[in-house]
């Protein structure tokens, strides 16, 4: 299983990424370690805004690209209503919103 996520950064910017190990990836982003994305190294991550599961890396990568191409307003709509992601899906693609997630728990594991 893979995860697709949207992080909000200090100045309000939104960063979209994918991960197989979401706990490890969040620790990298939020600690600004060498392994975090170049973007979150220079734009401090402050919150995990949205999270979805995908059954494999290929689907997760496709969704990540689609989200990255969206204008900011559409990304904010996805954050408000994660189910609206269906409008970005092609037939047979399944992405499940993770409704209950605690960034605090992830970072403290």
N, C-alpha and C. Protein backbone atom coordinates (compact mmCIF):
# COMPACT_ATOMS: atom_id res chain seq x y z
N UNK A 1 0.84 -1.17 0.00
CA UNK A 1 0.00 0.00 0.00
C UNK A 1 0.89 1.24 0.00
N UNK A 2 0.44 2.25 -0.71
CA UNK A 2 1.12 3.55 -0.76
C UNK A 2 0.16 4.62 -0.29
N UNK A 3 0.73 5.74 0.10
CA UNK A 3 -0.04 6.88 0.57
C UNK A 3 0.26 8.09 -0.31
N UNK A 4 -0.77 8.90 -0.51
CA UNK A 4 -0.63 10.19 -1.18
C UNK A 4 -1.07 11.22 -0.14
N UNK A 5 -0.30 12.29 0.00
CA UNK A 5 -0.60 13.24 1.06
C UNK A 5 -0.40 14.68 0.61
N UNK A 6 -1.04 15.58 1.35
CA UNK A 6 -0.84 17.01 1.16
C UNK A 6 -0.41 17.59 2.50
N UNK A 7 0.69 18.30 2.50
CA UNK A 7 1.24 18.96 3.69
C UNK A 7 1.11 20.47 3.50
N UNK A 8 0.80 21.16 4.58
CA UNK A 8 0.81 22.63 4.55
C UNK A 8 2.14 23.08 5.15
N UNK A 9 2.77 24.04 4.49
CA UNK A 9 4.05 24.59 4.96
C UNK A 9 3.83 25.93 5.66
N UNK A 10 4.89 26.44 6.28
CA UNK A 10 4.85 27.63 7.13
C UNK A 10 4.12 28.83 6.51
N UNK A 11 4.41 29.14 5.29
CA UNK A 11 3.80 30.33 4.67
C UNK A 11 2.49 29.99 3.96
N UNK A 12 1.95 28.78 4.23
CA UNK A 12 0.68 28.39 3.64
C UNK A 12 0.79 27.62 2.35
N UNK A 13 2.00 27.39 1.86
CA UNK A 13 2.16 26.62 0.63
C UNK A 13 1.73 25.18 0.88
N UNK A 14 1.32 24.51 -0.21
CA UNK A 14 0.90 23.12 -0.12
C UNK A 14 1.90 22.25 -0.87
N UNK A 15 2.29 21.15 -0.24
CA UNK A 15 3.23 20.20 -0.85
C UNK A 15 2.52 18.85 -0.94
N UNK A 16 2.59 18.20 -2.10
CA UNK A 16 1.98 16.89 -2.32
C UNK A 16 3.08 15.87 -2.54
N UNK A 17 2.92 14.70 -1.93
CA UNK A 17 3.91 13.65 -2.09
C UNK A 17 3.30 12.27 -1.92
N UNK A 18 4.15 11.24 -2.10
CA UNK A 18 3.72 9.85 -1.89
C UNK A 18 4.73 9.17 -0.98
N UNK A 19 4.27 8.08 -0.34
CA UNK A 19 5.16 7.32 0.54
C UNK A 19 4.61 5.92 0.74
N UNK A 20 5.52 4.97 0.88
CA UNK A 20 5.12 3.61 1.26
C UNK A 20 5.02 3.53 2.77
N UNK A 21 5.93 4.22 3.45
CA UNK A 21 5.95 4.25 4.92
C UNK A 21 5.62 5.68 5.35
N UNK A 22 4.35 5.93 5.62
CA UNK A 22 3.91 7.30 5.89
C UNK A 22 4.50 7.85 7.18
N UNK A 23 4.69 7.02 8.18
CA UNK A 23 5.26 7.50 9.45
C UNK A 23 6.69 7.97 9.23
N UNK A 24 7.49 7.16 8.55
CA UNK A 24 8.89 7.54 8.27
C UNK A 24 8.94 8.82 7.45
N UNK A 25 8.08 8.90 6.44
CA UNK A 25 8.11 10.07 5.54
C UNK A 25 7.71 11.36 6.27
N UNK A 26 6.72 11.27 7.14
CA UNK A 26 6.32 12.46 7.89
C UNK A 26 7.45 12.90 8.82
N UNK A 27 8.12 11.95 9.45
CA UNK A 27 9.26 12.30 10.31
C UNK A 27 10.34 13.01 9.51
N UNK A 28 10.58 12.54 8.28
CA UNK A 28 11.59 13.19 7.43
C UNK A 28 11.18 14.62 7.09
N UNK A 29 9.94 14.80 6.68
CA UNK A 29 9.48 16.15 6.31
C UNK A 29 9.49 17.10 7.50
N UNK A 30 8.93 16.67 8.60
CA UNK A 30 8.76 17.57 9.73
C UNK A 30 10.03 17.83 10.52
N UNK A 31 11.02 16.95 10.40
CA UNK A 31 12.32 17.21 11.05
C UNK A 31 13.27 17.93 10.11
N UNK A 32 12.86 18.06 8.85
CA UNK A 32 13.67 18.66 7.79
C UNK A 32 15.02 17.95 7.68
N UNK A 33 14.99 16.62 7.79
CA UNK A 33 16.20 15.82 7.68
C UNK A 33 16.72 15.84 6.25
N UNK A 34 17.90 15.29 6.06
CA UNK A 34 18.50 15.24 4.72
C UNK A 34 17.63 14.47 3.74
N UNK A 35 16.82 13.55 4.24
CA UNK A 35 16.00 12.72 3.36
C UNK A 35 14.66 13.34 3.01
N UNK A 36 14.34 14.48 3.59
CA UNK A 36 13.06 15.10 3.25
C UNK A 36 13.16 15.68 1.84
N UNK A 37 12.04 16.07 1.29
CA UNK A 37 12.03 16.67 -0.04
C UNK A 37 12.77 18.01 0.01
N UNK A 38 13.41 18.35 -1.09
CA UNK A 38 14.11 19.63 -1.17
C UNK A 38 13.17 20.78 -0.82
N UNK A 39 11.92 20.65 -1.25
CA UNK A 39 10.94 21.71 -1.00
C UNK A 39 10.68 21.89 0.49
N UNK A 40 10.47 20.78 1.21
CA UNK A 40 10.16 20.92 2.64
C UNK A 40 11.41 21.18 3.48
N UNK A 41 12.56 21.06 2.88
CA UNK A 41 13.78 21.46 3.59
C UNK A 41 13.85 22.98 3.65
N UNK A 42 13.36 23.65 2.61
CA UNK A 42 13.42 25.11 2.59
C UNK A 42 12.07 25.77 2.93
N UNK A 43 11.01 24.98 3.01
CA UNK A 43 9.68 25.47 3.37
C UNK A 43 9.18 24.57 4.50
N UNK A 44 9.33 25.00 5.73
CA UNK A 44 9.03 24.17 6.90
C UNK A 44 7.59 23.64 6.89
N UNK A 45 7.46 22.33 6.98
CA UNK A 45 6.14 21.69 7.06
C UNK A 45 5.53 21.94 8.43
N UNK A 46 4.24 22.29 8.45
CA UNK A 46 3.58 22.56 9.74
C UNK A 46 2.38 21.65 10.01
N UNK A 47 1.76 21.10 8.97
CA UNK A 47 0.61 20.22 9.23
C UNK A 47 0.38 19.27 8.06
N UNK A 48 -0.12 18.09 8.40
CA UNK A 48 -0.57 17.12 7.41
C UNK A 48 -2.04 17.41 7.17
N UNK A 49 -2.39 17.81 5.96
CA UNK A 49 -3.74 18.28 5.67
C UNK A 49 -4.66 17.20 5.11
N UNK A 50 -4.13 16.30 4.29
CA UNK A 50 -4.96 15.26 3.67
C UNK A 50 -4.12 14.03 3.41
N UNK A 51 -4.78 12.87 3.43
CA UNK A 51 -4.08 11.60 3.27
C UNK A 51 -5.01 10.59 2.61
N UNK A 52 -4.51 9.91 1.58
CA UNK A 52 -5.26 8.87 0.89
C UNK A 52 -4.38 7.63 0.74
N UNK A 53 -5.00 6.47 0.59
CA UNK A 53 -4.25 5.25 0.30
C UNK A 53 -4.45 4.89 -1.17
N UNK A 54 -3.43 4.26 -1.72
CA UNK A 54 -3.47 3.73 -3.09
C UNK A 54 -2.90 2.32 -3.02
N UNK A 55 -3.37 1.43 -3.88
CA UNK A 55 -2.94 0.04 -3.75
C UNK A 55 -1.51 -0.21 -4.23
N UNK A 56 -0.95 0.70 -5.04
CA UNK A 56 0.43 0.48 -5.50
C UNK A 56 1.10 1.82 -5.85
N UNK A 57 2.40 1.74 -6.08
CA UNK A 57 3.19 2.94 -6.35
C UNK A 57 2.75 3.64 -7.65
N UNK A 58 2.42 2.86 -8.64
CA UNK A 58 2.01 3.43 -9.92
C UNK A 58 0.78 4.31 -9.76
N UNK A 59 -0.24 3.80 -9.08
CA UNK A 59 -1.45 4.60 -8.86
C UNK A 59 -1.17 5.82 -7.99
N UNK A 60 -0.36 5.64 -6.96
CA UNK A 60 -0.02 6.77 -6.10
C UNK A 60 0.70 7.86 -6.89
N UNK A 61 1.62 7.48 -7.74
CA UNK A 61 2.36 8.46 -8.55
C UNK A 61 1.45 9.20 -9.52
N UNK A 62 0.51 8.48 -10.12
CA UNK A 62 -0.45 9.12 -11.03
C UNK A 62 -1.28 10.17 -10.29
N UNK A 63 -1.75 9.79 -9.10
CA UNK A 63 -2.56 10.73 -8.33
C UNK A 63 -1.74 11.93 -7.88
N UNK A 64 -0.51 11.68 -7.45
CA UNK A 64 0.37 12.78 -7.04
C UNK A 64 0.52 13.78 -8.18
N UNK A 65 0.79 13.31 -9.38
CA UNK A 65 0.94 14.20 -10.54
C UNK A 65 -0.34 14.99 -10.80
N UNK A 66 -1.48 14.32 -10.70
CA UNK A 66 -2.75 15.02 -10.95
C UNK A 66 -2.99 16.12 -9.92
N UNK A 67 -2.70 15.83 -8.66
CA UNK A 67 -2.92 16.82 -7.61
C UNK A 67 -1.95 17.99 -7.79
N UNK A 68 -0.69 17.69 -8.11
CA UNK A 68 0.31 18.76 -8.28
C UNK A 68 -0.07 19.72 -9.41
N UNK A 69 -0.80 19.23 -10.40
CA UNK A 69 -1.20 20.08 -11.53
C UNK A 69 -2.40 20.98 -11.19
N UNK A 70 -3.09 20.68 -10.10
CA UNK A 70 -4.29 21.45 -9.74
C UNK A 70 -3.92 22.85 -9.25
N UNK A 71 -4.79 23.81 -9.50
CA UNK A 71 -4.58 25.13 -8.89
C UNK A 71 -4.82 25.04 -7.38
N UNK A 72 -4.28 25.97 -6.66
CA UNK A 72 -4.37 25.96 -5.19
C UNK A 72 -5.81 25.81 -4.68
N UNK A 73 -6.73 26.50 -5.30
CA UNK A 73 -8.12 26.43 -4.87
C UNK A 73 -8.68 25.01 -4.91
N UNK A 74 -8.35 24.29 -5.94
CA UNK A 74 -8.82 22.90 -6.08
C UNK A 74 -8.17 22.01 -5.03
N UNK A 75 -6.89 22.28 -4.72
CA UNK A 75 -6.22 21.51 -3.67
C UNK A 75 -6.89 21.76 -2.32
N UNK A 76 -7.26 23.00 -2.07
CA UNK A 76 -7.96 23.32 -0.82
C UNK A 76 -9.31 22.62 -0.76
N UNK A 77 -9.99 22.49 -1.90
CA UNK A 77 -11.25 21.76 -1.95
C UNK A 77 -11.04 20.28 -1.60
N UNK A 78 -9.95 19.70 -2.10
CA UNK A 78 -9.63 18.31 -1.78
C UNK A 78 -9.39 18.13 -0.28
N UNK A 79 -8.72 19.10 0.31
CA UNK A 79 -8.46 19.04 1.75
C UNK A 79 -9.78 19.11 2.52
N UNK A 80 -10.67 20.00 2.11
CA UNK A 80 -11.97 20.15 2.78
C UNK A 80 -12.86 18.93 2.58
N UNK A 81 -12.80 18.36 1.40
CA UNK A 81 -13.67 17.22 1.06
C UNK A 81 -12.84 16.15 0.34
N UNK A 82 -12.15 15.30 1.10
CA UNK A 82 -11.27 14.30 0.49
C UNK A 82 -11.97 13.37 -0.50
N UNK A 83 -13.28 13.18 -0.34
CA UNK A 83 -14.03 12.32 -1.26
C UNK A 83 -14.13 12.92 -2.65
N UNK A 84 -13.95 14.23 -2.77
CA UNK A 84 -14.04 14.87 -4.09
C UNK A 84 -12.88 14.44 -4.99
N UNK A 85 -11.95 13.69 -4.44
CA UNK A 85 -10.84 13.15 -5.22
C UNK A 85 -11.35 12.27 -6.36
N UNK A 86 -12.53 11.70 -6.19
CA UNK A 86 -13.11 10.83 -7.21
C UNK A 86 -13.13 11.50 -8.58
N UNK A 87 -13.27 12.82 -8.61
CA UNK A 87 -13.31 13.53 -9.90
C UNK A 87 -11.98 13.46 -10.64
N UNK A 88 -10.90 13.13 -9.93
CA UNK A 88 -9.58 13.01 -10.56
C UNK A 88 -9.26 11.58 -10.99
N UNK A 89 -10.12 10.65 -10.59
CA UNK A 89 -9.84 9.23 -10.82
C UNK A 89 -10.35 8.77 -12.19
N UNK A 90 -9.61 7.84 -12.76
CA UNK A 90 -10.06 7.18 -13.98
C UNK A 90 -10.77 5.90 -13.57
N UNK A 91 -11.48 5.31 -14.51
CA UNK A 91 -12.24 4.09 -14.22
C UNK A 91 -11.32 3.01 -13.65
N UNK A 92 -11.77 2.42 -12.56
CA UNK A 92 -11.02 1.33 -11.94
C UNK A 92 -9.99 1.77 -10.90
N UNK A 93 -9.72 3.06 -10.84
CA UNK A 93 -8.76 3.55 -9.85
C UNK A 93 -9.47 3.77 -8.52
N UNK A 94 -8.84 3.29 -7.46
CA UNK A 94 -9.44 3.44 -6.14
C UNK A 94 -8.44 4.09 -5.19
N UNK A 95 -8.84 5.21 -4.62
CA UNK A 95 -8.06 5.90 -3.61
C UNK A 95 -8.98 6.11 -2.42
N UNK A 96 -8.52 5.72 -1.26
CA UNK A 96 -9.37 5.79 -0.07
C UNK A 96 -8.86 6.90 0.85
N UNK A 97 -9.72 7.87 1.18
CA UNK A 97 -9.30 8.91 2.12
C UNK A 97 -9.06 8.29 3.50
N UNK A 98 -7.99 8.70 4.14
CA UNK A 98 -7.73 8.29 5.52
C UNK A 98 -8.29 9.41 6.39
N UNK A 99 -9.40 9.14 7.02
CA UNK A 99 -10.10 10.18 7.78
C UNK A 99 -9.48 10.42 9.14
N UNK A 100 -9.09 9.36 9.78
CA UNK A 100 -8.55 9.46 11.13
C UNK A 100 -7.04 9.31 11.07
N UNK A 101 -6.32 10.39 11.18
CA UNK A 101 -4.87 10.30 11.26
C UNK A 101 -4.39 11.34 12.26
N UNK A 102 -3.36 10.98 12.98
CA UNK A 102 -2.80 11.90 13.96
C UNK A 102 -1.33 12.12 13.64
N UNK A 103 -1.02 13.32 13.20
CA UNK A 103 0.36 13.65 12.90
C UNK A 103 1.21 13.50 14.15
N UNK A 104 0.68 13.90 15.30
CA UNK A 104 1.42 13.78 16.56
C UNK A 104 1.84 12.35 16.81
N UNK A 105 0.89 11.41 16.63
CA UNK A 105 1.23 10.00 16.84
C UNK A 105 2.28 9.54 15.84
N UNK A 106 2.15 9.96 14.60
CA UNK A 106 3.15 9.57 13.59
C UNK A 106 4.54 10.05 13.98
N UNK A 107 4.63 11.29 14.41
CA UNK A 107 5.93 11.87 14.72
C UNK A 107 6.52 11.31 16.01
N UNK A 108 5.69 10.77 16.88
CA UNK A 108 6.18 10.23 18.15
C UNK A 108 6.43 8.73 18.12
N UNK A 109 6.19 8.09 16.98
CA UNK A 109 6.43 6.63 16.89
C UNK A 109 7.89 6.36 16.74
